[in-house]
Amino acid sequence: MKIELKKFGTTLISRQNGREAFAALQPQLTALQENEILELDFEGVITFSPSWGDEFLSPLLKQYATRLILMNTGNPSVKATLELLEKIDQKPFQRN
């Protein structure tokens, strides 16, 4: 399953917005098969804050671990936030 994060906006900031985006994603995740990969595509995302990422990505990393693949993570804001979250969660994100 592929999720384009730009559907949540191009400026992904604040804990509250991250929490709301995570809640909005939950119905889609029920359709995810047990061995299916969950791809999150950052294409089009301009700003990505650690607080939004912590509310949205950290629970997904905990739940899906190696089945979670991040795509188009070259944006400096995305890259810096992912590196910070990896240090906090002490788990690496899989990138494609």
PDB file of N, CA and C in Angstrom:
ATOM      1  N   MET A   1       0.849  -1.173   0.000  1.00  0.00           N
ATOM      2  CA  MET A   1       0.000   0.000   0.000  1.00  0.00           C
ATOM      3  C   MET A   1       0.895   1.237   0.000  1.00  0.00           C
ATOM      4  N   LYS A   2       0.574   2.176  -0.851  1.00  0.00           N
ATOM      5  CA  LYS A   2       1.351   3.412  -0.950  1.00  0.00           C
ATOM      6  C   LYS A   2       0.489   4.588  -0.488  1.00  0.00           C
ATOM      7  N   ILE A   3       1.044   5.386   0.406  1.00  0.00           N
ATOM      8  CA  ILE A   3       0.378   6.580   0.929  1.00  0.00           C
ATOM      9  C   ILE A   3       1.216   7.790   0.546  1.00  0.00           C
ATOM     10  N   GLU A   4       0.605   8.740  -0.139  1.00  0.00           N
ATOM     11  CA  GLU A   4       1.279   9.997  -0.484  1.00  0.00           C
ATOM     12  C   GLU A   4       1.017  10.992   0.638  1.00  0.00           C
ATOM     13  N   LEU A   5       2.080  11.386   1.326  1.00  0.00           N
ATOM     14  CA  LEU A   5       1.915  12.264   2.480  1.00  0.00           C
ATOM     15  C   LEU A   5       1.439  13.660   2.108  1.00  0.00           C
ATOM     16  N   LYS A   6       1.624  14.056   0.848  1.00  0.00           N
ATOM     17  CA  LYS A   6       1.172  15.404   0.458  1.00  0.00           C
ATOM     18  C   LYS A   6      -0.346  15.529   0.538  1.00  0.00           C
ATOM     19  N   LYS A   7      -1.045  14.407   0.639  1.00  0.00           N
ATOM     20  CA  LYS A   7      -2.503  14.498   0.807  1.00  0.00           C
ATOM     21  C   LYS A   7      -2.857  15.085   2.175  1.00  0.00           C
ATOM     22  N   PHE A   8      -1.895  15.055   3.102  1.00  0.00           N
ATOM     23  CA  PHE A   8      -2.090  15.674   4.411  1.00  0.00           C
ATOM     24  C   PHE A   8      -1.595  17.118   4.414  1.00  0.00           C
ATOM     25  N   GLY A   9      -1.012  17.550   3.294  1.00  0.00           N
ATOM     26  CA  GLY A   9      -0.500  18.912   3.153  1.00  0.00           C
ATOM     27  C   GLY A   9       0.973  18.889   2.784  1.00  0.00           C
ATOM     28  N   THR A  10       1.482  20.021   2.335  1.00  0.00           N
ATOM     29  CA  THR A  10       2.887  20.110   1.975  1.00  0.00           C
ATOM     30  C   THR A  10       3.734  20.624   3.141  1.00  0.00           C
ATOM     31  N   THR A  11       3.072  21.176   4.140  1.00  0.00           N
ATOM     32  CA  THR A  11       3.738  21.658   5.344  1.00  0.00           C
ATOM     33  C   THR A  11       3.210  20.839   6.517  1.00  0.00           C
ATOM     34  N   LEU A  12       3.975  19.833   6.907  1.00  0.00           N
ATOM     35  CA  LEU A  12       3.538  18.904   7.951  1.00  0.00           C
ATOM     36  C   LEU A  12       4.176  19.310   9.276  1.00  0.00           C
ATOM     37  N   ILE A  13       3.411  20.078  10.064  1.00  0.00           N
ATOM     38  CA  ILE A  13       3.921  20.598  11.329  1.00  0.00           C
ATOM     39  C   ILE A  13       2.872  20.422  12.423  1.00  0.00           C
ATOM     40  N   SER A  14       3.293  20.405  13.628  1.00  0.00           N
ATOM     41  CA  SER A  14       2.545  20.357  14.886  1.00  0.00           C
ATOM     42  C   SER A  14       2.108  18.952  15.274  1.00  0.00           C
ATOM     43  N   ARG A  15       2.162  18.715  16.562  1.00  0.00           N
ATOM     44  CA  ARG A  15       1.742  17.425  17.107  1.00  0.00           C
ATOM     45  C   ARG A  15       0.265  17.160  16.817  1.00  0.00           C
ATOM     46  N   GLN A  16      -0.546  18.183  17.007  1.00  0.00           N
ATOM     47  CA  GLN A  16      -1.990  18.007  16.794  1.00  0.00           C
ATOM     48  C   GLN A  16      -2.291  17.574  15.357  1.00  0.00           C
ATOM     49  N   ASN A  17      -1.662  18.225  14.392  1.00  0.00           N
ATOM     50  CA  ASN A  17      -1.888  17.862  12.990  1.00  0.00           C
ATOM     51  C   ASN A  17      -1.369  16.456  12.685  1.00  0.00           C
ATOM     52  N   GLY A  18      -0.247  16.090  13.277  1.00  0.00           N
ATOM     53  CA  GLY A  18       0.296  14.740  13.097  1.00  0.00           C
ATOM     54  C   GLY A  18      -0.634  13.693  13.670  1.00  0.00           C
ATOM     55  N   ARG A  19      -1.186  13.977  14.848  1.00  0.00           N
ATOM     56  CA  ARG A  19      -2.141  13.067  15.495  1.00  0.00           C
ATOM     57  C   ARG A  19      -3.390  12.908  14.639  1.00  0.00           C
ATOM     58  N   GLU A  20      -3.882  14.013  14.099  1.00  0.00           N
ATOM     59  CA  GLU A  20      -5.086  13.969  13.253  1.00  0.00           C
ATOM     60  C   GLU A  20      -4.822  13.193  11.962  1.00  0.00           C
ATOM     61  N   ALA A  21      -3.648  13.382  11.368  1.00  0.00           N
ATOM     62  CA  ALA A  21      -3.301  12.652  10.147  1.00  0.00           C
ATOM     63  C   ALA A  21      -3.188  11.160  10.433  1.00  0.00           C
ATOM     64  N   PHE A  22      -2.591  10.804  11.566  1.00  0.00           N
ATOM     65  CA  PHE A  22      -2.469   9.399  11.946  1.00  0.00           C
ATOM     66  C   PHE A  22      -3.859   8.779  12.129  1.00  0.00           C
ATOM     67  N   ALA A  23      -4.749   9.498  12.788  1.00  0.00           N
ATOM     68  CA  ALA A  23      -6.114   9.005  12.988  1.00  0.00           C
ATOM     69  C   ALA A  23      -6.839   8.852  11.653  1.00  0.00           C
ATOM     70  N   ALA A  24      -6.630   9.791  10.743  1.00  0.00           N
ATOM     71  CA  ALA A  24      -7.275   9.721   9.429  1.00  0.00           C
ATOM     72  C   ALA A  24      -6.760   8.542   8.607  1.00  0.00           C
ATOM     73  N   LEU A  25      -5.538   8.112   8.852  1.00  0.00           N
ATOM     74  CA  LEU A  25      -4.940   7.001   8.113  1.00  0.00           C
ATOM     75  C   LEU A  25      -5.438   5.634   8.600  1.00  0.00           C
ATOM     76  N   GLN A  26      -5.892   5.555   9.823  1.00  0.00           N
ATOM     77  CA  GLN A  26      -6.247   4.272  10.429  1.00  0.00           C
ATOM     78  C   GLN A  26      -7.237   3.432   9.616  1.00  0.00           C
ATOM     79  N   PRO A  27      -8.312   4.007   9.046  1.00  0.00           N
ATOM     80  CA  PRO A  27      -9.225   3.172   8.248  1.00  0.00           C
ATOM     81  C   PRO A  27      -8.543   2.515   7.045  1.00  0.00           C
ATOM     82  N   GLN A  28      -7.596   3.194   6.423  1.00  0.00           N
ATOM     83  CA  GLN A  28      -6.874   2.617   5.291  1.00  0.00           C
ATOM     84  C   GLN A  28      -5.986   1.462   5.732  1.00  0.00           C
ATOM     85  N   LEU A  29      -5.412   1.576   6.906  1.00  0.00           N
ATOM     86  CA  LEU A  29      -4.488   0.561   7.394  1.00  0.00           C
ATOM     87  C   LEU A  29      -5.189  -0.760   7.711  1.00  0.00           C
ATOM     88  N   THR A  30      -6.477  -0.717   7.946  1.00  0.00           N
ATOM     89  CA  THR A  30      -7.201  -1.962   8.213  1.00  0.00           C
ATOM     90  C   THR A  30      -7.214  -2.862   6.983  1.00  0.00           C
ATOM     91  N   ALA A  31      -7.040  -2.287   5.802  1.00  0.00           N
ATOM     92  CA  ALA A  31      -7.013  -3.068   4.559  1.00  0.00           C
ATOM     93  C   ALA A  31      -5.625  -3.632   4.254  1.00  0.00           C
ATOM     94  N   LEU A  32      -4.622  -3.232   5.020  1.00  0.00           N
ATOM     95  CA  LEU A  32      -3.258  -3.691   4.787  1.00  0.00           C
ATOM     96  C   LEU A  32      -3.132  -5.174   5.154  1.00  0.00           C
ATOM     97  N   GLN A  33      -2.672  -5.959   4.199  1.00  0.00           N
ATOM     98  CA  GLN A  33      -2.487  -7.396   4.437  1.00  0.00           C
ATOM     99  C   GLN A  33      -1.326  -7.631   5.392  1.00  0.00           C
ATOM    100  N   GLU A  34      -1.284  -8.789   6.020  1.00  0.00           N
ATOM    101  CA  GLU A  34      -0.298  -9.089   7.052  1.00  0.00           C
ATOM    102  C   GLU A  34       1.149  -8.959   6.584  1.00  0.00           C
ATOM    103  N   ASN A  35       1.434  -9.331   5.340  1.00  0.00           N
ATOM    104  CA  ASN A  35       2.806  -9.257   4.832  1.00  0.00           C
ATOM    105  C   ASN A  35       3.007  -8.125   3.826  1.00  0.00           C
ATOM    106  N   GLU A  36       2.024  -7.264   3.673  1.00  0.00           N
ATOM    107  CA  GLU A  36       2.097  -6.180   2.694  1.00  0.00           C
ATOM    108  C   GLU A  36       2.987  -5.049   3.215  1.00  0.00           C
ATOM    109  N   ILE A  37       3.720  -4.436   2.294  1.00  0.00           N
ATOM    110  CA  ILE A  37       4.590  -3.297   2.599  1.00  0.00           C
ATOM    111  C   ILE A  37       3.734  -2.025   2.656  1.00  0.00           C
ATOM    112  N   LEU A  38       4.059  -1.150   3.603  1.00  0.00           N
ATOM    113  CA  LEU A  38       3.438   0.159   3.699  1.00  0.00           C
ATOM    114  C   LEU A  38       4.468   1.185   3.241  1.00  0.00           C
ATOM    115  N   GLU A  39       4.216   1.808   2.086  1.00  0.00           N
ATOM    116  CA  GLU A  39       5.125   2.810   1.531  1.00  0.00           C
ATOM    117  C   GLU A  39       4.568   4.205   1.804  1.00  0.00           C
ATOM    118  N   LEU A  40       5.400   5.050   2.375  1.00  0.00           N
ATOM    119  CA  LEU A  40       5.035   6.449   2.596  1.00  0.00           C
ATOM    120  C   LEU A  40       5.885   7.302   1.676  1.00  0.00           C
ATOM    121  N   ASP A  41       5.219   8.046   0.810  1.00  0.00           N
ATOM    122  CA  ASP A  41       5.904   8.850  -0.204  1.00  0.00           C
ATOM    123  C   ASP A  41       5.917  10.315   0.218  1.00  0.00           C
ATOM    124  N   PHE A  42       7.129  10.878   0.368  1.00  0.00           N
ATOM    125  CA  PHE A  42       7.296  12.270   0.792  1.00  0.00           C
ATOM    126  C   PHE A  42       7.351  13.246  -0.381  1.00  0.00           C
ATOM    127  N   GLU A  43       7.145  12.790  -1.590  1.00  0.00           N
ATOM    128  CA  GLU A  43       7.196  13.690  -2.738  1.00  0.00           C
ATOM    129  C   GLU A  43       6.178  14.815  -2.559  1.00  0.00           C
ATOM    130  N   GLY A  44       6.631  16.042  -2.755  1.00  0.00           N
ATOM    131  CA  GLY A  44       5.761  17.210  -2.625  1.00  0.00           C
ATOM    132  C   GLY A  44       5.717  17.803  -1.232  1.00  0.00           C
ATOM    133  N   VAL A  45       6.298  17.125  -0.239  1.00  0.00           N
ATOM    134  CA  VAL A  45       6.330  17.657   1.120  1.00  0.00           C
ATOM    135  C   VAL A  45       7.475  18.666   1.212  1.00  0.00           C
ATOM    136  N   ILE A  46       7.135  19.882   1.629  1.00  0.00           N
ATOM    137  CA  ILE A  46       8.120  20.959   1.699  1.00  0.00           C
ATOM    138  C   ILE A  46       8.727  21.055   3.103  1.00  0.00           C
ATOM    139  N   THR A  47       7.868  21.038   4.113  1.00  0.00           N
ATOM    140  CA  THR A  47       8.315  21.155   5.503  1.00  0.00           C
ATOM    141  C   THR A  47       7.785  19.971   6.298  1.00  0.00           C
ATOM    142  N   PHE A  48       8.672  19.364   7.076  1.00  0.00           N
ATOM    143  CA  PHE A  48       8.318  18.183   7.857  1.00  0.00           C
ATOM    144  C   PHE A  48       8.934  18.341   9.239  1.00  0.00           C
ATOM    145  N   SER A  49       8.098  18.588  10.249  1.00  0.00           N
ATOM    146  CA  SER A  49       8.623  18.862  11.588  1.00  0.00           C
ATOM    147  C   SER A  49       8.736  17.589  12.422  1.00  0.00           C
ATOM    148  N   PRO A  50       9.671  17.596  13.376  1.00  0.00           N
ATOM    149  CA  PRO A  50       9.814  16.441  14.258  1.00  0.00           C
ATOM    150  C   PRO A  50       8.543  16.133  15.061  1.00  0.00           C
ATOM    151  N   SER A  51       7.814  17.154  15.466  1.00  0.00           N
ATOM    152  CA  SER A  51       6.604  16.906  16.259  1.00  0.00           C
ATOM    153  C   SER A  51       5.546  16.178  15.427  1.00  0.00           C
ATOM    154  N   TRP A  52       5.335  16.605  14.182  1.00  0.00           N
ATOM    155  CA  TRP A  52       4.380  15.922  13.292  1.00  0.00           C
ATOM    156  C   TRP A  52       4.856  14.494  13.040  1.00  0.00           C
ATOM    157  N   GLY A  53       6.126  14.352  12.747  1.00  0.00           N
ATOM    158  CA  GLY A  53       6.687  13.034  12.467  1.00  0.00           C
ATOM    159  C   GLY A  53       6.595  12.095  13.651  1.00  0.00           C
ATOM    160  N   ASP A  54       6.802  12.625  14.855  1.00  0.00           N
ATOM    161  CA  ASP A  54       6.727  11.785  16.048  1.00  0.00           C
ATOM    162  C   ASP A  54       5.314  11.250  16.249  1.00  0.00           C
ATOM    163  N   GLU A  55       4.320  12.051  15.981  1.00  0.00           N
ATOM    164  CA  GLU A  55       2.928  11.620  16.148  1.00  0.00           C
ATOM    165  C   GLU A  55       2.463  10.685  15.035  1.00  0.00           C
ATOM    166  N   PHE A  56       3.022  10.836  13.849  1.00  0.00           N
ATOM    167  CA  PHE A  56       2.571  10.060  12.695  1.00  0.00           C
ATOM    168  C   PHE A  56       3.482   8.871  12.404  1.00  0.00           C
ATOM    169  N   LEU A  57       4.776   9.120  12.282  1.00  0.00           N
ATOM    170  CA  LEU A  57       5.711   8.064  11.869  1.00  0.00           C
ATOM    171  C   LEU A  57       6.132   7.122  12.992  1.00  0.00           C
ATOM    172  N   SER A  58       6.358   7.650  14.171  1.00  0.00           N
ATOM    173  CA  SER A  58       6.853   6.802  15.261  1.00  0.00           C
ATOM    174  C   SER A  58       5.914   5.631  15.566  1.00  0.00           C
ATOM    175  N   PRO A  59       4.592   5.867  15.657  1.00  0.00           N
ATOM    176  CA  PRO A  59       3.706   4.713  15.885  1.00  0.00           C
ATOM    177  C   PRO A  59       3.701   3.734  14.707  1.00  0.00           C
ATOM    178  N   LEU A  60       3.839   4.246  13.479  1.00  0.00           N
ATOM    179  CA  LEU A  60       3.886   3.359  12.313  1.00  0.00           C
ATOM    180  C   LEU A  60       5.156   2.520  12.321  1.00  0.00           C
ATOM    181  N   LEU A  61       6.271   3.140  12.715  1.00  0.00           N
ATOM    182  CA  LEU A  61       7.529   2.407  12.798  1.00  0.00           C
ATOM    183  C   LEU A  61       7.432   1.307  13.858  1.00  0.00           C
ATOM    184  N   LYS A  62       6.812   1.631  14.975  1.00  0.00           N
ATOM    185  CA  LYS A  62       6.661   0.655  16.048  1.00  0.00           C
ATOM    186  C   LYS A  62       5.768  -0.512  15.597  1.00  0.00           C
ATOM    187  N   GLN A  63       4.699  -0.193  14.883  1.00  0.00           N
ATOM    188  CA  GLN A  63       3.735  -1.220  14.476  1.00  0.00           C
ATOM    189  C   GLN A  63       4.196  -2.042  13.273  1.00  0.00           C
ATOM    190  N   TYR A  64       4.806  -1.383  12.277  1.00  0.00           N
ATOM    191  CA  TYR A  64       5.126  -2.067  11.025  1.00  0.00           C
ATOM    192  C   TYR A  64       6.610  -2.351  10.813  1.00  0.00           C
ATOM    193  N   ALA A  65       7.469  -1.734  11.590  1.00  0.00           N
ATOM    194  CA  ALA A  65       8.917  -1.973  11.570  1.00  0.00           C
ATOM    195  C   ALA A  65       9.482  -2.043  10.151  1.00  0.00           C
ATOM    196  N   THR A  66       9.992  -3.193   9.740  1.00  0.00           N
ATOM    197  CA  THR A  66      10.651  -3.324   8.436  1.00  0.00           C
ATOM    198  C   THR A  66       9.677  -3.324   7.273  1.00  0.00           C
ATOM    199  N   ARG A  67       8.383  -3.406   7.541  1.00  0.00           N
ATOM    200  CA  ARG A  67       7.378  -3.332   6.472  1.00  0.00           C
ATOM    201  C   ARG A  67       7.069  -1.883   6.090  1.00  0.00           C
ATOM    202  N   LEU A  68       7.590  -0.929   6.850  1.00  0.00           N
ATOM    203  CA  LEU A  68       7.395   0.493   6.580  1.00  0.00           C
ATOM    204  C   LEU A  68       8.574   0.984   5.742  1.00  0.00           C
ATOM    205  N   ILE A  69       8.282   1.459   4.538  1.00  0.00           N
ATOM    206  CA  ILE A  69       9.302   1.958   3.617  1.00  0.00           C
ATOM    207  C   ILE A  69       9.009   3.427   3.307  1.00  0.00           C
ATOM    208  N   LEU A  70      10.023   4.266   3.448  1.00  0.00           N
ATOM    209  CA  LEU A  70       9.880   5.693   3.167  1.00  0.00           C
ATOM    210  C   LEU A  70      10.496   6.000   1.804  1.00  0.00           C
ATOM    211  N   MET A  71       9.775   6.777   1.000  1.00  0.00           N
ATOM    212  CA  MET A  71      10.218   7.100  -0.353  1.00  0.00           C
ATOM    213  C   MET A  71      10.360   8.617  -0.514  1.00  0.00           C
ATOM    214  N   ASN A  72      11.253   9.027  -1.418  1.00  0.00           N
ATOM    215  CA  ASN A  72      11.470  10.441  -1.750  1.00  0.00           C
ATOM    216  C   ASN A  72      11.764  11.275  -0.501  1.00  0.00           C
ATOM    217  N   THR A  73      12.797  10.873   0.221  1.00  0.00           N
ATOM    218  CA  THR A  73      13.155  11.521   1.482  1.00  0.00           C
ATOM    219  C   THR A  73      14.344  12.480   1.357  1.00  0.00           C
ATOM    220  N   GLY A  74      14.631  12.933   0.148  1.00  0.00           N
ATOM    221  CA  GLY A  74      15.798  13.774  -0.091  1.00  0.00           C
ATOM    222  C   GLY A  74      15.666  15.219   0.345  1.00  0.00           C
ATOM    223  N   ASN A  75      14.452  15.708   0.555  1.00  0.00           N
ATOM    224  CA  ASN A  75      14.245  17.082   1.002  1.00  0.00           C
ATOM    225  C   ASN A  75      14.993  17.285   2.328  1.00  0.00           C
ATOM    226  N   PRO A  76      15.754  18.379   2.469  1.00  0.00           N
ATOM    227  CA  PRO A  76      16.534  18.592   3.698  1.00  0.00           C
ATOM    228  C   PRO A  76      15.699  18.581   4.978  1.00  0.00           C
ATOM    229  N   SER A  77      14.492  19.128   4.929  1.00  0.00           N
ATOM    230  CA  SER A  77      13.615  19.137   6.102  1.00  0.00           C
ATOM    231  C   SER A  77      13.204  17.717   6.471  1.00  0.00           C
ATOM    232  N   VAL A  78      12.849  16.929   5.484  1.00  0.00           N
ATOM    233  CA  VAL A  78      12.450  15.531   5.698  1.00  0.00           C
ATOM    234  C   VAL A  78      13.643  14.735   6.227  1.00  0.00           C
ATOM    235  N   LYS A  79      14.768  14.912   5.589  1.00  0.00           N
ATOM    236  CA  LYS A  79      15.978  14.169   5.956  1.00  0.00           C
ATOM    237  C   LYS A  79      16.386  14.456   7.405  1.00  0.00           C
ATOM    238  N   ALA A  80      16.412  15.712   7.788  1.00  0.00           N
ATOM    239  CA  ALA A  80      16.815  16.099   9.144  1.00  0.00           C
ATOM    240  C   ALA A  80      15.839  15.554  10.189  1.00  0.00           C
ATOM    241  N   THR A  81      14.556  15.630   9.900  1.00  0.00           N
ATOM    242  CA  THR A  81      13.554  15.132  10.841  1.00  0.00           C
ATOM    243  C   THR A  81      13.649  13.622  10.990  1.00  0.00           C
ATOM    244  N   LEU A  82      13.831  12.908   9.896  1.00  0.00           N
ATOM    245  CA  LEU A  82      13.952  11.451   9.970  1.00  0.00           C
ATOM    246  C   LEU A  82      15.172  11.045  10.788  1.00  0.00           C
ATOM    247  N   GLU A  83      16.282  11.742  10.605  1.00  0.00           N
ATOM    248  CA  GLU A  83      17.491  11.434  11.371  1.00  0.00           C
ATOM    249  C   GLU A  83      17.258  11.650  12.866  1.00  0.00           C
ATOM    250  N   LEU A  84      16.559  12.716  13.213  1.00  0.00           N
ATOM    251  CA  LEU A  84      16.256  13.002  14.612  1.00  0.00           C
ATOM    252  C   LEU A  84      15.331  11.927  15.195  1.00  0.00           C
ATOM    253  N   LEU A  85      14.302  11.559  14.463  1.00  0.00           N
ATOM    254  CA  LEU A  85      13.375  10.529  14.941  1.00  0.00           C
ATOM    255  C   LEU A  85      14.062   9.173  15.108  1.00  0.00           C
ATOM    256  N   GLU A  86      15.001   8.870  14.227  1.00  0.00           N
ATOM    257  CA  GLU A  86      15.747   7.617  14.357  1.00  0.00           C
ATOM    258  C   GLU A  86      16.568   7.605  15.648  1.00  0.00           C
ATOM    259  N   LYS A  87      17.134   8.742  16.018  1.00  0.00           N
ATOM    260  CA  LYS A  87      17.895   8.831  17.264  1.00  0.00           C
ATOM    261  C   LYS A  87      16.962   8.683  18.470  1.00  0.00           C
ATOM    262  N   ILE A  88      15.812   9.341  18.409  1.00  0.00           N
ATOM    263  CA  ILE A  88      14.860   9.294  19.521  1.00  0.00           C
ATOM    264  C   ILE A  88      14.305   7.885  19.694  1.00  0.00           C
ATOM    265  N   ASP A  89      13.831   7.291  18.595  1.00  0.00           N
ATOM    266  CA  ASP A  89      13.209   5.961  18.657  1.00  0.00           C
ATOM    267  C   ASP A  89      14.230   4.828  18.711  1.00  0.00           C
ATOM    268  N   GLN A  90      15.477   5.148  18.406  1.00  0.00           N
ATOM    269  CA  GLN A  90      16.568   4.179  18.343  1.00  0.00           C
ATOM    270  C   GLN A  90      16.238   3.012  17.396  1.00  0.00           C
ATOM    271  N   LYS A  91      15.575   3.359  16.295  1.00  0.00           N
ATOM    272  CA  LYS A  91      15.264   2.410  15.226  1.00  0.00           C
ATOM    273  C   LYS A  91      15.439   3.132  13.899  1.00  0.00           C
ATOM    274  N   PRO A  92      16.058   2.476  12.919  1.00  0.00           N
ATOM    275  CA  PRO A  92      16.209   3.111  11.612  1.00  0.00           C
ATOM    276  C   PRO A  92      14.952   2.950  10.760  1.00  0.00           C
ATOM    277  N   PHE A  93      14.701   3.940   9.926  1.00  0.00           N
ATOM    278  CA  PHE A  93      13.641   3.835   8.922  1.00  0.00           C
ATOM    279  C   PHE A  93      14.213   3.167   7.687  1.00  0.00           C
ATOM    280  N   GLN A  94      13.415   2.356   7.034  1.00  0.00           N
ATOM    281  CA  GLN A  94      13.789   1.766   5.750  1.00  0.00           C
ATOM    282  C   GLN A  94      13.486   2.814   4.685  1.00  0.00           C
ATOM    283  N   ARG A  95      14.462   3.099   3.828  1.00  0.00           N
ATOM    284  CA  ARG A  95      14.259   4.084   2.766  1.00  0.00           C
ATOM    285  C   ARG A  95      14.432   3.411   1.418  1.00  0.00           C
ATOM    286  N   ASN A  96      13.680   3.896   0.466  1.00  0.00           N
ATOM    287  CA  ASN A  96      13.781   3.378  -0.891  1.00  0.00           C
ATOM    288  C   ASN A  96      14.268   4.494  -1.803  1.00  0.00           C
TER     289      ASN A  96
END
